[in-house]
């Protein structure tokens, strides 16, 4: 799904314990280590003792991003002080193979980073050896920059390569990520959003955890061959609305079995890894039947806006099922809007009935 990693470069280190408490729902904590050479600035985290302090106050995995010319000399000390993931730059001076081996020796996950001007092809020789790839979507060295739009195409290309090679690699994106634009890297294929001012820039500390949760929100999509064309249209509508999605296929009109795609969407929702999904097949009925086998999934076949409103208001529907061979494309936008915008009523009788379903 989507993971969020607040960048501590934007935090107030003088009250670091309180700052960490304000993002305790994060998946990772991102620490930038700058040597003043690879980038012009130095950071507090150039001292590993400050990573040790972060580790003392939080059990969230620490991702240490070495923006330094010679990462080999620093890996052991940062691993010792609590880093779970260590990033190094492919543009650094040390041999990437040696750096990867040194990180693995410390039992840390390996992340290889590349700057905005560096082509994806530069890291291809190392992909089979790493756990994460970190795409810089700003020029490294300072916080508060704007997201570089060309990063989206780079993420998309890298995702295609990872899928083709069948690698289990997470794509991280660092720089300019905020609530209003995070859908762009997610749709392109990003797995981990690194955000500094987008999270710590929230003056109301109570809003920070809310920002983290909103960044994680993504609609899961799945379709069989009969629903493929309609799924592609739904993707266009979601993009126009700035809503993030993850597409689990299918990716053509070649015949496939719909239960496989219902599972790809329903299972993560049942496990609490995502909140909402959309499934499309010829009539929508097969997808609804298959998805509803998963506990906590409330998949609803919606043929018009009334169905969609009722599904949300009365049934707290979390999976919308659409009929690729029945519903006309001109009606889909209204159905989607009704399903997305109608809140659950929260009436006692509605809650009671859903609880009864869950007890089955």
Foldseek 3Di string as FASTA:
>chain_A
DAFEEEECLQPDLVPVLVLCVLAQVGQEYEYEADDCPLANDGDPVVDLVSLLVNVVNHVRAYEYEYSYQDCLVPQVSNLVSGHQEYEYELPHPDDPVSNLVSNVVSVHFYEYEYEPVDAPVSCVVCQQRGAEYEYEQDGPDHADDAGNVVVLVRLLVVQVVCVVVVHNHAYEYDGRDALQQLQSNLQSPHRYYYHYCNQNVPPPSNCNNVRSVSSQAEAEEEEFLLFQVVSVVVVVLCVVVSGHYDYPDDNHNPGDDQLVRLCVRLVCCLVVSYQAYEYEYAQLVVSQVSSVVRQPAQEFEDQALVSLLCCAQQPVHRYYGYHSNRHDSVRVSNNVCSNVPRHHNPDPVSVVVSVVVNVD
